[in-house]
Amino acid sequence: MGKTRYDWFGKGSAGVLCGLGLAVAVSGLFAWLGPGGLYAPNKFQLNMWLMSPIWLGVISFCFLFRSGLRAWLWLGGANALAFVGLYACRHFLS
């Protein structure tokens, strides 16, 4: 069979670990940049429930990468960009 059959652990671990970080960062970006700003009523509850669909989406689509290394690199880069954006929002908007 193909190589993808033996690379499920690399892809899956990238999806689980990097997906969690990406879900946290995207939820934080929505909290800062979404409607009403950071202190809008009920926004914390929405952000809490927003994390799980993002995380599960990343876990689901991580198996479309050609290799585990590519999954780690792309998702790690997306994490880096998302957390840099989160830091910039926190630094410039507070």
PDB file of N, CA and C in Angstrom:
ATOM      1  N   MET A   1       0.825  -1.188   0.000  1.00  0.00           N
ATOM      2  CA  MET A   1       0.000   0.000   0.000  1.00  0.00           C
ATOM      3  C   MET A   1       0.875   1.259   0.000  1.00  0.00           C
ATOM      4  N   GLY A   2       0.198   2.401   0.069  1.00  0.00           N
ATOM      5  CA  GLY A   2       0.914   3.668   0.025  1.00  0.00           C
ATOM      6  C   GLY A   2       1.565   4.018   1.357  1.00  0.00           C
ATOM      7  N   LYS A   3       2.333   5.072   1.296  1.00  0.00           N
ATOM      8  CA  LYS A   3       3.069   5.510   2.476  1.00  0.00           C
ATOM      9  C   LYS A   3       2.153   6.115   3.543  1.00  0.00           C
ATOM     10  N   THR A   4       1.001   6.610   3.143  1.00  0.00           N
ATOM     11  CA  THR A   4       0.104   7.256   4.100  1.00  0.00           C
ATOM     12  C   THR A   4      -0.407   6.277   5.144  1.00  0.00           C
ATOM     13  N   ARG A   5      -0.413   5.011   4.822  1.00  0.00           N
ATOM     14  CA  ARG A   5      -0.911   4.025   5.761  1.00  0.00           C
ATOM     15  C   ARG A   5      -0.003   3.905   6.980  1.00  0.00           C
ATOM     16  N   TYR A   6       1.279   4.146   6.826  1.00  0.00           N
ATOM     17  CA  TYR A   6       2.232   3.978   7.914  1.00  0.00           C
ATOM     18  C   TYR A   6       2.559   5.292   8.620  1.00  0.00           C
ATOM     19  N   ASP A   7       2.009   6.396   8.145  1.00  0.00           N
ATOM     20  CA  ASP A   7       2.354   7.701   8.703  1.00  0.00           C
ATOM     21  C   ASP A   7       1.205   8.306   9.500  1.00  0.00           C
ATOM     22  N   TRP A   8       0.296   7.491   9.974  1.00  0.00           N
ATOM     23  CA  TRP A   8      -0.856   8.027  10.676  1.00  0.00           C
ATOM     24  C   TRP A   8      -0.486   8.599  12.032  1.00  0.00           C
ATOM     25  N   PHE A   9       0.544   8.055  12.688  1.00  0.00           N
ATOM     26  CA  PHE A   9       0.900   8.567  14.014  1.00  0.00           C
ATOM     27  C   PHE A   9       1.465   9.982  13.922  1.00  0.00           C
ATOM     28  N   GLY A  10       2.326  10.248  12.951  1.00  0.00           N
ATOM     29  CA  GLY A  10       2.885  11.594  12.787  1.00  0.00           C
ATOM     30  C   GLY A  10       1.819  12.617  12.453  1.00  0.00           C
ATOM     31  N   LYS A  11       0.921  12.255  11.567  1.00  0.00           N
ATOM     32  CA  LYS A  11      -0.156  13.165  11.192  1.00  0.00           C
ATOM     33  C   LYS A  11      -1.142  13.366  12.340  1.00  0.00           C
ATOM     34  N   GLY A  12      -1.486  12.267  12.995  1.00  0.00           N
ATOM     35  CA  GLY A  12      -2.446  12.359  14.097  1.00  0.00           C
ATOM     36  C   GLY A  12      -1.916  13.148  15.278  1.00  0.00           C
ATOM     37  N   SER A  13      -0.638  12.929  15.613  1.00  0.00           N
ATOM     38  CA  SER A  13      -0.069  13.688  16.735  1.00  0.00           C
ATOM     39  C   SER A  13       0.059  15.166  16.389  1.00  0.00           C
ATOM     40  N   ALA A  14       0.374  15.473  15.129  1.00  0.00           N
ATOM     41  CA  ALA A  14       0.413  16.882  14.716  1.00  0.00           C
ATOM     42  C   ALA A  14      -0.971  17.500  14.807  1.00  0.00           C
ATOM     43  N   GLY A  15      -1.985  16.760  14.395  1.00  0.00           N
ATOM     44  CA  GLY A  15      -3.347  17.279  14.462  1.00  0.00           C
ATOM     45  C   GLY A  15      -3.816  17.506  15.880  1.00  0.00           C
ATOM     46  N   VAL A  16      -3.478  16.579  16.771  1.00  0.00           N
ATOM     47  CA  VAL A  16      -3.933  16.705  18.160  1.00  0.00           C
ATOM     48  C   VAL A  16      -3.192  17.832  18.878  1.00  0.00           C
ATOM     49  N   LEU A  17      -1.876  17.819  18.812  1.00  0.00           N
ATOM     50  CA  LEU A  17      -1.092  18.803  19.570  1.00  0.00           C
ATOM     51  C   LEU A  17      -1.120  20.189  18.943  1.00  0.00           C
ATOM     52  N   CYS A  18      -0.832  20.268  17.659  1.00  0.00           N
ATOM     53  CA  CYS A  18      -0.856  21.584  17.005  1.00  0.00           C
ATOM     54  C   CYS A  18      -2.284  22.087  16.838  1.00  0.00           C
ATOM     55  N   GLY A  19      -3.227  21.158  16.696  1.00  0.00           N
ATOM     56  CA  GLY A  19      -4.621  21.577  16.578  1.00  0.00           C
ATOM     57  C   GLY A  19      -5.141  22.221  17.839  1.00  0.00           C
ATOM     58  N   LEU A  20      -4.713  21.721  18.992  1.00  0.00           N
ATOM     59  CA  LEU A  20      -5.127  22.340  20.255  1.00  0.00           C
ATOM     60  C   LEU A  20      -4.571  23.756  20.363  1.00  0.00           C
ATOM     61  N   GLY A  21      -3.301  23.907  20.064  1.00  0.00           N
ATOM     62  CA  GLY A  21      -2.710  25.244  20.108  1.00  0.00           C
ATOM     63  C   GLY A  21      -3.370  26.195  19.124  1.00  0.00           C
ATOM     64  N   LEU A  22      -3.666  25.697  17.934  1.00  0.00           N
ATOM     65  CA  LEU A  22      -4.315  26.533  16.930  1.00  0.00           C
ATOM     66  C   LEU A  22      -5.731  26.911  17.352  1.00  0.00           C
ATOM     67  N   ALA A  23      -6.441  25.992  17.966  1.00  0.00           N
ATOM     68  CA  ALA A  23      -7.796  26.294  18.437  1.00  0.00           C
ATOM     69  C   ALA A  23      -7.773  27.350  19.540  1.00  0.00           C
ATOM     70  N   VAL A  24      -6.810  27.253  20.439  1.00  0.00           N
ATOM     71  CA  VAL A  24      -6.686  28.248  21.512  1.00  0.00           C
ATOM     72  C   VAL A  24      -6.357  29.618  20.922  1.00  0.00           C
ATOM     73  N   ALA A  25      -5.424  29.659  19.985  1.00  0.00           N
ATOM     74  CA  ALA A  25      -5.017  30.941  19.405  1.00  0.00           C
ATOM     75  C   ALA A  25      -6.132  31.570  18.576  1.00  0.00           C
ATOM     76  N   VAL A  26      -6.826  30.783  17.777  1.00  0.00           N
ATOM     77  CA  VAL A  26      -7.915  31.330  16.959  1.00  0.00           C
ATOM     78  C   VAL A  26      -9.068  31.796  17.849  1.00  0.00           C
ATOM     79  N   SER A  27      -9.347  31.068  18.903  1.00  0.00           N
ATOM     80  CA  SER A  27     -10.367  31.498  19.843  1.00  0.00           C
ATOM     81  C   SER A  27      -9.969  32.815  20.517  1.00  0.00           C
ATOM     82  N   GLY A  28      -8.699  32.934  20.861  1.00  0.00           N
ATOM     83  CA  GLY A  28      -8.213  34.192  21.436  1.00  0.00           C
ATOM     84  C   GLY A  28      -8.277  35.346  20.454  1.00  0.00           C
ATOM     85  N   LEU A  29      -7.957  35.077  19.197  1.00  0.00           N
ATOM     86  CA  LEU A  29      -8.064  36.127  18.174  1.00  0.00           C
ATOM     87  C   LEU A  29      -9.509  36.566  17.990  1.00  0.00           C
ATOM     88  N   PHE A  30     -10.419  35.610  18.028  1.00  0.00           N
ATOM     89  CA  PHE A  30     -11.832  35.983  17.931  1.00  0.00           C
ATOM     90  C   PHE A  30     -12.264  36.806  19.136  1.00  0.00           C
ATOM     91  N   ALA A  31     -11.733  36.481  20.303  1.00  0.00           N
ATOM     92  CA  ALA A  31     -12.085  37.253  21.504  1.00  0.00           C
ATOM     93  C   ALA A  31     -11.609  38.690  21.375  1.00  0.00           C
ATOM     94  N   TRP A  32     -10.404  38.891  20.863  1.00  0.00           N
ATOM     95  CA  TRP A  32      -9.867  40.241  20.748  1.00  0.00           C
ATOM     96  C   TRP A  32     -10.486  41.013  19.585  1.00  0.00           C
ATOM     97  N   LEU A  33     -10.654  40.352  18.443  1.00  0.00           N
ATOM     98  CA  LEU A  33     -11.040  41.056  17.223  1.00  0.00           C
ATOM     99  C   LEU A  33     -12.512  40.913  16.863  1.00  0.00           C
ATOM    100  N   GLY A  34     -13.240  40.064  17.538  1.00  0.00           N
ATOM    101  CA  GLY A  34     -14.647  39.831  17.222  1.00  0.00           C
ATOM    102  C   GLY A  34     -15.530  40.987  17.643  1.00  0.00           C
ATOM    103  N   PRO A  35     -16.807  40.869  17.343  1.00  0.00           N
ATOM    104  CA  PRO A  35     -17.730  41.952  17.674  1.00  0.00           C
ATOM    105  C   PRO A  35     -17.817  42.201  19.175  1.00  0.00           C
ATOM    106  N   GLY A  36     -17.770  43.442  19.550  1.00  0.00           N
ATOM    107  CA  GLY A  36     -17.882  43.824  20.947  1.00  0.00           C
ATOM    108  C   GLY A  36     -16.567  43.859  21.697  1.00  0.00           C
ATOM    109  N   GLY A  37     -15.488  43.455  21.073  1.00  0.00           N
ATOM    110  CA  GLY A  37     -14.197  43.481  21.757  1.00  0.00           C
ATOM    111  C   GLY A  37     -14.070  42.357  22.763  1.00  0.00           C
ATOM    112  N   LEU A  38     -13.091  42.501  23.623  1.00  0.00           N
ATOM    113  CA  LEU A  38     -12.768  41.443  24.574  1.00  0.00           C
ATOM    114  C   LEU A  38     -13.803  41.294  25.678  1.00  0.00           C
ATOM    115  N   TYR A  39     -14.467  42.365  26.028  1.00  0.00           N
ATOM    116  CA  TYR A  39     -15.362  42.329  27.182  1.00  0.00           C
ATOM    117  C   TYR A  39     -16.838  42.343  26.795  1.00  0.00           C
ATOM    118  N   ALA A  40     -17.172  41.806  25.653  1.00  0.00           N
ATOM    119  CA  ALA A  40     -18.582  41.701  25.258  1.00  0.00           C
ATOM    120  C   ALA A  40     -19.272  40.653  26.138  1.00  0.00           C
ATOM    121  N   PRO A  41     -20.542  40.871  26.443  1.00  0.00           N
ATOM    122  CA  PRO A  41     -21.241  39.892  27.291  1.00  0.00           C
ATOM    123  C   PRO A  41     -21.345  38.526  26.597  1.00  0.00           C
ATOM    124  N   ASN A  42     -21.152  37.480  27.372  1.00  0.00           N
ATOM    125  CA  ASN A  42     -21.261  36.091  26.933  1.00  0.00           C
ATOM    126  C   ASN A  42     -20.211  35.687  25.895  1.00  0.00           C
ATOM    127  N   LYS A  43     -19.205  36.492  25.668  1.00  0.00           N
ATOM    128  CA  LYS A  43     -18.197  36.143  24.677  1.00  0.00           C
ATOM    129  C   LYS A  43     -17.271  35.045  25.177  1.00  0.00           C
ATOM    130  N   PHE A  44     -17.033  34.989  26.467  1.00  0.00           N
ATOM    131  CA  PHE A  44     -16.158  33.947  26.993  1.00  0.00           C
ATOM    132  C   PHE A  44     -16.779  32.570  26.791  1.00  0.00           C
ATOM    133  N   GLN A  45     -18.069  32.463  26.954  1.00  0.00           N
ATOM    134  CA  GLN A  45     -18.762  31.199  26.736  1.00  0.00           C
ATOM    135  C   GLN A  45     -18.700  30.794  25.265  1.00  0.00           C
ATOM    136  N   LEU A  46     -18.886  31.752  24.374  1.00  0.00           N
ATOM    137  CA  LEU A  46     -18.800  31.465  22.946  1.00  0.00           C
ATOM    138  C   LEU A  46     -17.396  31.001  22.566  1.00  0.00           C
ATOM    139  N   ASN A  47     -16.387  31.650  23.102  1.00  0.00           N
ATOM    140  CA  ASN A  47     -15.011  31.249  22.803  1.00  0.00           C
ATOM    141  C   ASN A  47     -14.701  29.863  23.329  1.00  0.00           C
ATOM    142  N   MET A  48     -15.244  29.522  24.475  1.00  0.00           N
ATOM    143  CA  MET A  48     -15.032  28.184  25.020  1.00  0.00           C
ATOM    144  C   MET A  48     -15.613  27.132  24.084  1.00  0.00           C
ATOM    145  N   TRP A  49     -16.810  27.357  23.580  1.00  0.00           N
ATOM    146  CA  TRP A  49     -17.447  26.385  22.692  1.00  0.00           C
ATOM    147  C   TRP A  49     -16.918  26.464  21.272  1.00  0.00           C
ATOM    148  N   LEU A  50     -16.244  27.536  20.920  1.00  0.00           N
ATOM    149  CA  LEU A  50     -15.664  27.668  19.586  1.00  0.00           C
ATOM    150  C   LEU A  50     -14.406  26.819  19.433  1.00  0.00           C
ATOM    151  N   MET A  51     -13.734  26.543  20.518  1.00  0.00           N
ATOM    152  CA  MET A  51     -12.472  25.797  20.446  1.00  0.00           C
ATOM    153  C   MET A  51     -12.651  24.372  19.953  1.00  0.00           C
ATOM    154  N   SER A  52     -13.658  23.682  20.405  1.00  0.00           N
ATOM    155  CA  SER A  52     -13.783  22.262  20.052  1.00  0.00           C
ATOM    156  C   SER A  52     -14.045  22.024  18.568  1.00  0.00           C
ATOM    157  N   PRO A  53     -14.899  22.786  17.864  1.00  0.00           N
ATOM    158  CA  PRO A  53     -15.036  22.542  16.425  1.00  0.00           C
ATOM    159  C   PRO A  53     -13.770  22.859  15.640  1.00  0.00           C
ATOM    160  N   ILE A  54     -13.026  23.866  16.077  1.00  0.00           N
ATOM    161  CA  ILE A  54     -11.770  24.181  15.385  1.00  0.00           C
ATOM    162  C   ILE A  54     -10.776  23.049  15.592  1.00  0.00           C
ATOM    163  N   TRP A  55     -10.656  22.583  16.811  1.00  0.00           N
ATOM    164  CA  TRP A  55      -9.713  21.511  17.121  1.00  0.00           C
ATOM    165  C   TRP A  55     -10.075  20.232  16.363  1.00  0.00           C
ATOM    166  N   LEU A  56     -11.338  19.871  16.383  1.00  0.00           N
ATOM    167  CA  LEU A  56     -11.771  18.669  15.675  1.00  0.00           C
ATOM    168  C   LEU A  56     -11.623  18.811  14.165  1.00  0.00           C
ATOM    169  N   GLY A  57     -11.808  20.017  13.640  1.00  0.00           N
ATOM    170  CA  GLY A  57     -11.588  20.244  12.214  1.00  0.00           C
ATOM    171  C   GLY A  57     -10.133  20.041  11.826  1.00  0.00           C
ATOM    172  N   VAL A  58      -9.224  20.549  12.649  1.00  0.00           N
ATOM    173  CA  VAL A  58      -7.799  20.365  12.376  1.00  0.00           C
ATOM    174  C   VAL A  58      -7.419  18.886  12.477  1.00  0.00           C
ATOM    175  N   ILE A  59      -7.941  18.203  13.484  1.00  0.00           N
ATOM    176  CA  ILE A  59      -7.659  16.771  13.621  1.00  0.00           C
ATOM    177  C   ILE A  59      -8.197  16.005  12.410  1.00  0.00           C
ATOM    178  N   SER A  60      -9.360  16.372  11.929  1.00  0.00           N
ATOM    179  CA  SER A  60      -9.949  15.676  10.788  1.00  0.00           C
ATOM    180  C   SER A  60      -9.159  15.892   9.507  1.00  0.00           C
ATOM    181  N   PHE A  61      -8.706  17.114   9.283  1.00  0.00           N
ATOM    182  CA  PHE A  61      -8.022  17.424   8.031  1.00  0.00           C
ATOM    183  C   PHE A  61      -6.524  17.178   8.068  1.00  0.00           C
ATOM    184  N   CYS A  62      -5.968  16.827   9.215  1.00  0.00           N
ATOM    185  CA  CYS A  62      -4.520  16.605   9.275  1.00  0.00           C
ATOM    186  C   CYS A  62      -4.093  15.379   8.480  1.00  0.00           C
ATOM    187  N   PHE A  63      -5.011  14.467   8.214  1.00  0.00           N
ATOM    188  CA  PHE A  63      -4.673  13.261   7.460  1.00  0.00           C
ATOM    189  C   PHE A  63      -4.612  13.515   5.956  1.00  0.00           C
ATOM    190  N   LEU A  64      -4.925  14.724   5.510  1.00  0.00           N
ATOM    191  CA  LEU A  64      -4.802  15.065   4.102  1.00  0.00           C
ATOM    192  C   LEU A  64      -3.384  15.478   3.724  1.00  0.00           C
ATOM    193  N   PHE A  65      -2.512  15.695   4.692  1.00  0.00           N
ATOM    194  CA  PHE A  65      -1.120  16.018   4.385  1.00  0.00           C
ATOM    195  C   PHE A  65      -0.424  14.789   3.818  1.00  0.00           C
ATOM    196  N   ARG A  66       0.591  15.015   3.011  1.00  0.00           N
ATOM    197  CA  ARG A  66       1.320  13.898   2.408  1.00  0.00           C
ATOM    198  C   ARG A  66       2.162  13.123   3.413  1.00  0.00           C
ATOM    199  N   SER A  67       2.661  13.800   4.422  1.00  0.00           N
ATOM    200  CA  SER A  67       3.498  13.121   5.412  1.00  0.00           C
ATOM    201  C   SER A  67       3.285  13.770   6.777  1.00  0.00           C
ATOM    202  N   GLY A  68       3.752  13.064   7.801  1.00  0.00           N
ATOM    203  CA  GLY A  68       3.674  13.615   9.144  1.00  0.00           C
ATOM    204  C   GLY A  68       4.545  14.847   9.306  1.00  0.00           C
ATOM    205  N   LEU A  69       5.681  14.853   8.619  1.00  0.00           N
ATOM    206  CA  LEU A  69       6.577  16.013   8.691  1.00  0.00           C
ATOM    207  C   LEU A  69       5.906  17.252   8.120  1.00  0.00           C
ATOM    208  N   ARG A  70       5.237  17.088   6.986  1.00  0.00           N
ATOM    209  CA  ARG A  70       4.528  18.237   6.405  1.00  0.00           C
ATOM    210  C   ARG A  70       3.407  18.715   7.323  1.00  0.00           C
ATOM    211  N   ALA A  71       2.724  17.778   7.949  1.00  0.00           N
ATOM    212  CA  ALA A  71       1.657  18.166   8.880  1.00  0.00           C
ATOM    213  C   ALA A  71       2.234  18.967  10.039  1.00  0.00           C
ATOM    214  N   TRP A  72       3.342  18.488  10.608  1.00  0.00           N
ATOM    215  CA  TRP A  72       3.976  19.213  11.712  1.00  0.00           C
ATOM    216  C   TRP A  72       4.452  20.587  11.273  1.00  0.00           C
ATOM    217  N   LEU A  73       5.053  20.679  10.084  1.00  0.00           N
ATOM    218  CA  LEU A  73       5.582  21.970   9.627  1.00  0.00           C
ATOM    219  C   LEU A  73       4.472  22.970   9.330  1.00  0.00           C
ATOM    220  N   TRP A  74       3.448  22.545   8.595  1.00  0.00           N
ATOM    221  CA  TRP A  74       2.372  23.464   8.257  1.00  0.00           C
ATOM    222  C   TRP A  74       1.556  23.873   9.485  1.00  0.00           C
ATOM    223  N   LEU A  75       1.211  22.910  10.307  1.00  0.00           N
ATOM    224  CA  LEU A  75       0.427  23.248  11.493  1.00  0.00           C
ATOM    225  C   LEU A  75       1.255  24.006  12.526  1.00  0.00           C
ATOM    226  N   GLY A  76       2.544  23.698  12.612  1.00  0.00           N
ATOM    227  CA  GLY A  76       3.420  24.480  13.489  1.00  0.00           C
ATOM    228  C   GLY A  76       3.563  25.913  13.017  1.00  0.00           C
ATOM    229  N   GLY A  77       3.677  26.103  11.697  1.00  0.00           N
ATOM    230  CA  GLY A  77       3.729  27.457  11.142  1.00  0.00           C
ATOM    231  C   GLY A  77       2.428  28.217  11.362  1.00  0.00           C
ATOM    232  N   ALA A  78       1.300  27.522  11.208  1.00  0.00           N
ATOM    233  CA  ALA A  78       0.006  28.166  11.462  1.00  0.00           C
ATOM    234  C   ALA A  78      -0.119  28.555  12.932  1.00  0.00           C
ATOM    235  N   ASN A  79       0.393  27.703  13.826  1.00  0.00           N
ATOM    236  CA  ASN A  79       0.405  28.038  15.253  1.00  0.00           C
ATOM    237  C   ASN A  79       1.250  29.267  15.517  1.00  0.00           C
ATOM    238  N   ALA A  80       2.429  29.307  14.913  1.00  0.00           N
ATOM    239  CA  ALA A  80       3.322  30.455  15.119  1.00  0.00           C
ATOM    240  C   ALA A  80       2.652  31.747  14.656  1.00  0.00           C
ATOM    241  N   LEU A  81       2.044  31.726  13.481  1.00  0.00           N
ATOM    242  CA  LEU A  81       1.365  32.922  12.983  1.00  0.00           C
ATOM    243  C   LEU A  81       0.188  33.323  13.859  1.00  0.00           C
ATOM    244  N   ALA A  82      -0.578  32.346  14.293  1.00  0.00           N
ATOM    245  CA  ALA A  82      -1.739  32.657  15.122  1.00  0.00           C
ATOM    246  C   ALA A  82      -1.322  33.233  16.475  1.00  0.00           C
ATOM    247  N   PHE A  83      -0.276  32.681  17.080  1.00  0.00           N
ATOM    248  CA  PHE A  83       0.153  33.206  18.373  1.00  0.00           C
ATOM    249  C   PHE A  83       0.860  34.548  18.249  1.00  0.00           C
ATOM    250  N   VAL A  84       1.532  34.792  17.125  1.00  0.00           N
ATOM    251  CA  VAL A  84       2.106  36.125  16.884  1.00  0.00           C
ATOM    252  C   VAL A  84       0.972  37.140  16.734  1.00  0.00           C
ATOM    253  N   GLY A  85      -0.073  36.754  16.006  1.00  0.00           N
ATOM    254  CA  GLY A  85      -1.235  37.640  15.889  1.00  0.00           C
ATOM    255  C   GLY A  85      -1.909  37.888  17.223  1.00  0.00           C
ATOM    256  N   LEU A  86      -1.995  36.863  18.044  1.00  0.00           N
ATOM    257  CA  LEU A  86      -2.589  37.013  19.372  1.00  0.00           C
ATOM    258  C   LEU A  86      -1.742  37.928  20.248  1.00  0.00           C
ATOM    259  N   TYR A  87      -0.425  37.768  20.177  1.00  0.00           N
ATOM    260  CA  TYR A  87       0.464  38.640  20.939  1.00  0.00           C
ATOM    261  C   TYR A  87       0.352  40.083  20.450  1.00  0.00           C
ATOM    262  N   ALA A  88       0.268  40.271  19.121  1.00  0.00           N
ATOM    263  CA  ALA A  88       0.139  41.625  18.578  1.00  0.00           C
ATOM    264  C   ALA A  88      -1.169  42.265  19.025  1.00  0.00           C
ATOM    265  N   CYS A  89      -2.259  41.512  19.023  1.00  0.00           N
ATOM    266  CA  CYS A  89      -3.528  42.058  19.496  1.00  0.00           C
ATOM    267  C   CYS A  89      -3.440  42.444  20.960  1.00  0.00           C
ATOM    268  N   ARG A  90      -2.832  41.581  21.745  1.00  0.00           N
ATOM    269  CA  ARG A  90      -2.726  41.860  23.179  1.00  0.00           C
ATOM    270  C   ARG A  90      -1.833  43.064  23.434  1.00  0.00           C
ATOM    271  N   HIS A  91      -0.777  43.188  22.653  1.00  0.00           N
ATOM    272  CA  HIS A  91       0.184  44.280  22.863  1.00  0.00           C
ATOM    273  C   HIS A  91      -0.375  45.617  22.377  1.00  0.00           C
ATOM    274  N   PHE A  92      -1.013  45.627  21.198  1.00  0.00           N
ATOM    275  CA  PHE A  92      -1.439  46.887  20.596  1.00  0.00           C
ATOM    276  C   PHE A  92      -2.859  47.301  20.939  1.00  0.00           C
ATOM    277  N   LEU A  93      -3.705  46.360  21.333  1.00  0.00           N
ATOM    278  CA  LEU A  93      -5.090  46.699  21.610  1.00  0.00           C
ATOM    279  C   LEU A  93      -5.428  46.833  23.092  1.00  0.00           C
ATOM    280  N   SER A  94      -4.464  46.575  23.953  1.00  0.00           N
ATOM    281  CA  SER A  94      -4.791  46.673  25.372  1.00  0.00           C
ATOM    282  C   SER A  94      -4.517  48.042  25.924  1.00  0.00           C
TER     283      SER A  94
END
